[in-house]
Amino acid sequence: MHKPRKSSGRMASKGFPNPIDVHVGQRIRQRRTLLGMSQERLAEAIGLSFQQLQKYEHGGNRVGSSRLFDLARVLDVPISYFFDEMGAGVADKSPSRLIGVPVSKMRAPSFEPDPLAKRETLELVRAYYRIANPRVRKRMFELTKAIAKTAG
């Protein structure tokens, strides 16, 4: 007797992508932006159209394991990078959890969203490293720390 197939956990039938796919896409975009790489350049490096890369970055399309391997290599990060900073609420949306497969009761602690994921932070870091003179860069670093200390 054939059992009916359970949902894959994709959530596309409900009109939105799986939150894990969205998280992976955000991490791709974050790293690409930090490196100052355009969507076109990254897409070309892994043999895709920039439209397909956009779908990955928005979580509309899942990134397969072989493609994730290519992305990690081009973006110079370990595969685990794409899953770092994932909150427990997102992790609970894995396909196995959505179909009711029990998982270990051990959970990663919940953290506030990563400030490095903000575009403002990425632009600040990129601008900082565009300062060619190491002494000026170091003085900017010290100035920023001093301002933060008095503001806090």
C-alpha atoms as a PDB file:
ATOM      1  CA  MET A   1       0.000   0.000   0.000  1.00  0.00           C
ATOM      2  CA  HIS A   2       1.306   3.441  -0.946  1.00  0.00           C
ATOM      3  CA  LYS A   3       1.458   6.110   1.742  1.00  0.00           C
ATOM      4  CA  PRO A   4       0.568   9.647   0.676  1.00  0.00           C
ATOM      5  CA  ARG A   5       3.635  11.815   0.261  1.00  0.00           C
ATOM      6  CA  LYS A   6       4.163  14.389   2.970  1.00  0.00           C
ATOM      7  CA  SER A   7       5.093  17.986   2.241  1.00  0.00           C
ATOM      8  CA  SER A   8       8.749  18.594   1.523  1.00  0.00           C
ATOM      9  CA  GLY A   9       8.678  21.613   3.809  1.00  0.00           C
ATOM     10  CA  ARG A  10       9.314  23.928   0.872  1.00  0.00           C
ATOM     11  CA  MET A  11       6.415  26.177   1.883  1.00  0.00           C
ATOM     12  CA  ALA A  12       6.151  27.405  -1.720  1.00  0.00           C
ATOM     13  CA  SER A  13       2.611  26.071  -1.873  1.00  0.00           C
ATOM     14  CA  LYS A  14       1.763  28.649   0.769  1.00  0.00           C
ATOM     15  CA  GLY A  15       3.185  31.436  -1.383  1.00  0.00           C
ATOM     16  CA  PHE A  16       6.476  32.071   0.407  1.00  0.00           C
ATOM     17  CA  PRO A  17       9.931  30.472   0.546  1.00  0.00           C
ATOM     18  CA  ASN A  18      11.271  28.471   3.436  1.00  0.00           C
ATOM     19  CA  PRO A  19      12.913  30.812   6.004  1.00  0.00           C
ATOM     20  CA  ILE A  20      16.112  28.741   5.851  1.00  0.00           C
ATOM     21  CA  ASP A  21      16.367  29.400   2.105  1.00  0.00           C
ATOM     22  CA  VAL A  22      15.859  33.109   2.817  1.00  0.00           C
ATOM     23  CA  HIS A  23      18.580  33.042   5.492  1.00  0.00           C
ATOM     24  CA  VAL A  24      21.075  31.339   3.150  1.00  0.00           C
ATOM     25  CA  GLY A  25      20.252  33.912   0.473  1.00  0.00           C
ATOM     26  CA  GLN A  26      20.822  36.772   2.907  1.00  0.00           C
ATOM     27  CA  ARG A  27      24.211  35.332   3.836  1.00  0.00           C
ATOM     28  CA  ILE A  28      25.157  35.067   0.140  1.00  0.00           C
ATOM     29  CA  ARG A  29      24.191  38.694  -0.398  1.00  0.00           C
ATOM     30  CA  GLN A  30      25.957  39.829   2.779  1.00  0.00           C
ATOM     31  CA  ARG A  31      29.251  38.219   1.775  1.00  0.00           C
ATOM     32  CA  ARG A  32      28.989  39.380  -1.843  1.00  0.00           C
ATOM     33  CA  THR A  33      28.325  42.949  -0.669  1.00  0.00           C
ATOM     34  CA  LEU A  34      31.173  42.843   1.845  1.00  0.00           C
ATOM     35  CA  LEU A  35      33.528  41.820  -0.965  1.00  0.00           C
ATOM     36  CA  GLY A  36      32.202  44.621  -3.183  1.00  0.00           C
ATOM     37  CA  MET A  37      31.142  42.098  -5.817  1.00  0.00           C
ATOM     38  CA  SER A  38      28.217  42.724  -8.149  1.00  0.00           C
ATOM     39  CA  GLN A  39      25.487  40.153  -8.706  1.00  0.00           C
ATOM     40  CA  GLU A  40      26.600  39.926 -12.325  1.00  0.00           C
ATOM     41  CA  ARG A  41      30.197  39.163 -11.374  1.00  0.00           C
ATOM     42  CA  LEU A  42      29.282  36.502  -8.813  1.00  0.00           C
ATOM     43  CA  ALA A  43      26.739  34.914 -11.136  1.00  0.00           C
ATOM     44  CA  GLU A  44      29.317  34.736 -13.930  1.00  0.00           C
ATOM     45  CA  ALA A  45      31.887  33.179 -11.573  1.00  0.00           C
ATOM     46  CA  ILE A  46      29.539  30.284 -10.815  1.00  0.00           C
ATOM     47  CA  GLY A  47      27.962  29.950 -14.254  1.00  0.00           C
ATOM     48  CA  LEU A  48      24.551  31.504 -13.610  1.00  0.00           C
ATOM     49  CA  SER A  49      22.524  34.447 -14.846  1.00  0.00           C
ATOM     50  CA  PHE A  50      22.310  37.337 -12.410  1.00  0.00           C
ATOM     51  CA  GLN A  51      18.526  36.787 -12.311  1.00  0.00           C
ATOM     52  CA  GLN A  52      19.080  33.274 -10.935  1.00  0.00           C
ATOM     53  CA  LEU A  53      21.480  34.665  -8.341  1.00  0.00           C
ATOM     54  CA  GLN A  54      18.813  37.221  -7.355  1.00  0.00           C
ATOM     55  CA  LYS A  55      16.371  34.362  -6.778  1.00  0.00           C
ATOM     56  CA  TYR A  56      18.929  32.657  -4.552  1.00  0.00           C
ATOM     57  CA  GLU A  57      19.567  35.859  -2.603  1.00  0.00           C
ATOM     58  CA  HIS A  58      15.854  36.409  -1.982  1.00  0.00           C
ATOM     59  CA  GLY A  59      15.263  32.765  -1.063  1.00  0.00           C
ATOM     60  CA  GLY A  60      12.819  32.258  -3.919  1.00  0.00           C
ATOM     61  CA  ASN A  61      14.939  29.385  -5.223  1.00  0.00           C
ATOM     62  CA  ARG A  62      16.824  26.907  -3.103  1.00  0.00           C
ATOM     63  CA  VAL A  63      20.570  26.647  -3.470  1.00  0.00           C
ATOM     64  CA  GLY A  64      21.639  23.074  -4.179  1.00  0.00           C
ATOM     65  CA  SER A  65      24.644  21.593  -2.404  1.00  0.00           C
ATOM     66  CA  SER A  66      26.934  21.686  -5.454  1.00  0.00           C
ATOM     67  CA  ARG A  67      26.022  25.319  -6.100  1.00  0.00           C
ATOM     68  CA  LEU A  68      26.539  26.145  -2.418  1.00  0.00           C
ATOM     69  CA  PHE A  69      29.992  24.569  -2.704  1.00  0.00           C
ATOM     70  CA  ASP A  70      30.781  26.850  -5.675  1.00  0.00           C
ATOM     71  CA  LEU A  71      29.465  29.903  -3.822  1.00  0.00           C
ATOM     72  CA  ALA A  72      31.571  29.116  -0.760  1.00  0.00           C
ATOM     73  CA  ARG A  73      34.669  28.758  -2.919  1.00  0.00           C
ATOM     74  CA  VAL A  74      34.126  32.000  -4.869  1.00  0.00           C
ATOM     75  CA  LEU A  75      33.108  33.970  -1.754  1.00  0.00           C
ATOM     76  CA  ASP A  76      36.016  32.429   0.207  1.00  0.00           C
ATOM     77  CA  VAL A  77      33.966  31.187   3.162  1.00  0.00           C
ATOM     78  CA  PRO A  78      33.314  27.747   4.668  1.00  0.00           C
ATOM     79  CA  ILE A  79      29.965  26.119   3.844  1.00  0.00           C
ATOM     80  CA  SER A  80      28.923  26.645   7.467  1.00  0.00           C
ATOM     81  CA  TYR A  81      29.046  30.416   6.898  1.00  0.00           C
ATOM     82  CA  PHE A  82      25.707  30.253   5.075  1.00  0.00           C
ATOM     83  CA  PHE A  83      24.025  28.769   8.155  1.00  0.00           C
ATOM     84  CA  ASP A  84      25.784  30.854  10.810  1.00  0.00           C
ATOM     85  CA  GLU A  85      23.690  33.332  12.791  1.00  0.00           C
ATOM     86  CA  MET A  86      20.512  31.346  12.098  1.00  0.00           C
ATOM     87  CA  GLY A  87      18.000  31.806  14.901  1.00  0.00           C
ATOM     88  CA  ALA A  88      16.151  28.904  16.472  1.00  0.00           C
ATOM     89  CA  GLY A  89      12.868  30.110  14.951  1.00  0.00           C
ATOM     90  CA  VAL A  90      14.320  29.840  11.461  1.00  0.00           C
ATOM     91  CA  ALA A  91      15.982  26.492  12.164  1.00  0.00           C
ATOM     92  CA  ASP A  92      12.614  25.150  13.319  1.00  0.00           C
ATOM     93  CA  LYS A  93      11.337  25.647   9.765  1.00  0.00           C
ATOM     94  CA  SER A  94      13.573  22.941   8.314  1.00  0.00           C
ATOM     95  CA  PRO A  95      11.655  20.495   6.122  1.00  0.00           C
ATOM     96  CA  SER A  96      12.087  17.695   8.668  1.00  0.00           C
ATOM     97  CA  ARG A  97      10.612  19.866  11.429  1.00  0.00           C
ATOM     98  CA  LEU A  98       7.716  20.958   9.212  1.00  0.00           C
ATOM     99  CA  ILE A  99       6.715  17.345   8.593  1.00  0.00           C
ATOM    100  CA  GLY A 100       7.028  16.468  12.273  1.00  0.00           C
ATOM    101  CA  VAL A 101      10.292  14.519  12.441  1.00  0.00           C
ATOM    102  CA  PRO A 102      11.554  14.794  16.032  1.00  0.00           C
ATOM    103  CA  VAL A 103      14.948  16.446  16.589  1.00  0.00           C
ATOM    104  CA  SER A 104      17.278  16.651  19.540  1.00  0.00           C
ATOM    105  CA  LYS A 105      16.077  18.883  22.357  1.00  0.00           C
ATOM    106  CA  MET A 106      19.427  20.694  22.290  1.00  0.00           C
ATOM    107  CA  ARG A 107      19.005  24.139  20.804  1.00  0.00           C
ATOM    108  CA  ALA A 108      21.422  26.881  20.008  1.00  0.00           C
ATOM    109  CA  PRO A 109      20.828  29.945  22.176  1.00  0.00           C
ATOM    110  CA  SER A 110      18.869  32.752  20.567  1.00  0.00           C
ATOM    111  CA  PHE A 111      20.893  35.797  19.665  1.00  0.00           C
ATOM    112  CA  GLU A 112      20.030  39.275  18.553  1.00  0.00           C
ATOM    113  CA  PRO A 113      20.334  39.769  14.798  1.00  0.00           C
ATOM    114  CA  ASP A 114      23.920  40.136  13.672  1.00  0.00           C
ATOM    115  CA  PRO A 115      24.904  43.812  13.260  1.00  0.00           C
ATOM    116  CA  LEU A 116      27.287  42.676  10.509  1.00  0.00           C
ATOM    117  CA  ALA A 117      24.269  41.741   8.415  1.00  0.00           C
ATOM    118  CA  LYS A 118      23.228  45.390   8.147  1.00  0.00           C
ATOM    119  CA  ARG A 119      24.083  47.128   4.903  1.00  0.00           C
ATOM    120  CA  GLU A 120      25.280  50.190   6.832  1.00  0.00           C
ATOM    121  CA  THR A 121      27.892  48.082   8.629  1.00  0.00           C
ATOM    122  CA  LEU A 122      29.070  46.497   5.407  1.00  0.00           C
ATOM    123  CA  GLU A 123      29.438  49.883   3.728  1.00  0.00           C
ATOM    124  CA  LEU A 124      31.318  51.248   6.741  1.00  0.00           C
ATOM    125  CA  VAL A 125      33.779  48.345   6.689  1.00  0.00           C
ATOM    126  CA  ARG A 126      34.332  48.681   2.949  1.00  0.00           C
ATOM    127  CA  ALA A 127      34.907  52.434   3.270  1.00  0.00           C
ATOM    128  CA  TYR A 128      37.307  51.896   6.172  1.00  0.00           C
ATOM    129  CA  TYR A 129      39.462  49.515   4.155  1.00  0.00           C
ATOM    130  CA  ARG A 130      39.518  51.916   1.209  1.00  0.00           C
ATOM    131  CA  ILE A 131      41.584  54.282   3.376  1.00  0.00           C
ATOM    132  CA  ALA A 132      45.026  53.561   1.904  1.00  0.00           C
ATOM    133  CA  ASN A 133      47.184  55.115   4.623  1.00  0.00           C
ATOM    134  CA  PRO A 134      47.446  52.666   7.565  1.00  0.00           C
ATOM    135  CA  ARG A 135      48.106  55.477  10.044  1.00  0.00           C
ATOM    136  CA  VAL A 136      44.980  57.376   8.980  1.00  0.00           C
ATOM    137  CA  ARG A 137      42.972  54.148   9.082  1.00  0.00           C
ATOM    138  CA  LYS A 138      44.227  53.429  12.612  1.00  0.00           C
ATOM    139  CA  ARG A 139      43.317  56.968  13.733  1.00  0.00           C
ATOM    140  CA  MET A 140      39.801  56.555  12.296  1.00  0.00           C
ATOM    141  CA  PHE A 141      39.517  53.297  14.216  1.00  0.00           C
ATOM    142  CA  GLU A 142      40.569  54.973  17.465  1.00  0.00           C
ATOM    143  CA  LEU A 143      38.241  57.933  16.822  1.00  0.00           C
ATOM    144  CA  THR A 144      35.281  55.617  16.222  1.00  0.00           C
ATOM    145  CA  LYS A 145      36.001  53.696  19.425  1.00  0.00           C
ATOM    146  CA  ALA A 146      36.262  56.954  21.411  1.00  0.00           C
ATOM    147  CA  ILE A 147      32.954  58.248  20.043  1.00  0.00           C
ATOM    148  CA  ALA A 148      31.237  54.934  20.821  1.00  0.00           C
ATOM    149  CA  LYS A 149      32.630  54.955  24.352  1.00  0.00           C
ATOM    150  CA  THR A 150      31.235  58.427  25.088  1.00  0.00           C
ATOM    151  CA  ALA A 151      27.901  57.644  23.413  1.00  0.00           C
ATOM    152  CA  GLY A 152      27.376  54.458  25.450  1.00  0.00           C
END
